[in-house]
Amino acid sequence: MKTLLNLNLNDQATISHISHPDADMKQRLYDLGFYPGTPVKKSLISPKSDPIAYRLRGTTIALRNSDAQYVEVYNDDN
């Protein structure tokens, strides 16, 4: 299983599944545009590596690593 955390800076992948155990946070991720099938790119890493900014649907969203670990992705080149 590959997650947003496994991406290198400027890597792009496609979201495959959200497996967050907190139903409210899972819904929040959906509200922010983290839907299966959506392309996402790791665009900025904070100085302490948490949070990390991801570019999707024309906007940049910062996620804590504790939440990004539940966003499963696959490489577009696979």
Protein backbone atom coordinates (compact mmCIF):
# COMPACT_ATOMS: atom_id res chain seq x y z
CA MET A 1 0.00 0.00 0.00
CA LYS A 2 1.41 3.37 -1.05
CA THR A 3 0.22 6.56 0.66
CA LEU A 4 0.73 10.28 0.18
CA LEU A 5 3.64 10.06 2.62
CA ASN A 6 5.52 7.71 0.27
CA LEU A 7 5.59 10.27 -2.54
CA ASN A 8 8.75 12.24 -3.19
CA LEU A 9 8.61 15.99 -3.67
CA ASN A 10 6.95 16.85 -7.02
CA ASP A 11 5.78 13.26 -7.56
CA GLN A 12 2.27 12.86 -8.90
CA ALA A 13 -0.04 9.93 -8.21
CA THR A 14 -3.75 9.16 -8.22
CA ILE A 15 -5.82 8.68 -5.09
CA SER A 16 -7.14 5.14 -4.80
CA HIS A 17 -8.74 5.00 -1.34
CA ILE A 18 -9.22 6.90 1.92
CA SER A 19 -8.89 4.58 4.92
CA HIS A 20 -8.94 7.11 7.78
CA PRO A 21 -10.35 5.51 10.96
CA ASP A 22 -11.99 8.79 12.09
CA ALA A 23 -15.24 9.16 10.12
CA ASP A 24 -15.29 12.95 10.57
CA MET A 25 -11.75 13.35 9.26
CA LYS A 26 -12.48 10.99 6.39
CA GLN A 27 -15.44 13.18 5.43
CA ARG A 28 -13.26 16.28 5.77
CA LEU A 29 -10.73 14.80 3.34
CA TYR A 30 -13.56 14.15 0.87
CA ASP A 31 -14.79 17.73 1.37
CA LEU A 32 -11.29 19.00 0.54
CA GLY A 33 -11.31 17.06 -2.75
CA PHE A 34 -9.40 13.90 -1.84
CA TYR A 35 -11.59 11.57 -3.92
CA PRO A 36 -10.54 8.26 -5.49
CA GLY A 37 -9.41 8.88 -9.07
CA THR A 38 -8.13 12.40 -8.35
CA PRO A 39 -4.54 13.22 -9.39
CA VAL A 40 -2.47 14.61 -6.52
CA LYS A 41 1.06 16.01 -6.36
CA LYS A 42 3.33 16.47 -3.34
CA SER A 43 4.27 20.13 -3.81
CA LEU A 44 5.81 21.53 -0.61
CA ILE A 45 7.40 20.09 2.51
CA SER A 46 7.54 22.21 5.66
CA PRO A 47 10.92 22.66 7.39
CA LYS A 48 10.05 20.00 9.99
CA SER A 49 8.36 17.75 7.36
CA ASP A 50 4.94 18.08 8.97
CA PRO A 51 2.60 19.27 7.51
CA ILE A 52 3.14 18.63 3.81
CA ALA A 53 1.32 20.47 1.02
CA TYR A 54 -0.40 18.57 -1.78
CA ARG A 55 -1.73 20.03 -5.02
CA LEU A 56 -5.05 18.72 -6.30
CA ARG A 57 -8.09 20.07 -8.12
CA GLY A 58 -6.42 23.45 -8.72
CA THR A 59 -5.59 24.17 -5.10
CA THR A 60 -2.86 23.42 -2.56
CA ILE A 61 -3.83 21.79 0.72
CA ALA A 62 -1.55 21.09 3.69
CA LEU A 63 -2.13 17.84 5.56
CA ARG A 64 -0.61 16.55 8.74
CA ASN A 65 1.33 13.34 8.25
CA SER A 66 -1.01 11.65 10.72
CA ASP A 67 -3.86 12.22 8.23
CA ALA A 68 -1.92 11.83 4.96
CA GLN A 69 -0.91 8.29 5.95
CA TYR A 70 -4.52 7.20 5.34
CA VAL A 71 -4.74 8.49 1.75
CA GLU A 72 -3.75 5.57 -0.46
CA VAL A 73 -2.41 6.33 -3.93
CA TYR A 74 -1.03 4.58 -7.00
CA ASN A 75 1.55 5.81 -9.50
CA ASP A 76 0.18 7.16 -12.74
CA ASP A 77 2.87 5.29 -14.68
CA ASN A 78 1.67 1.84 -13.46
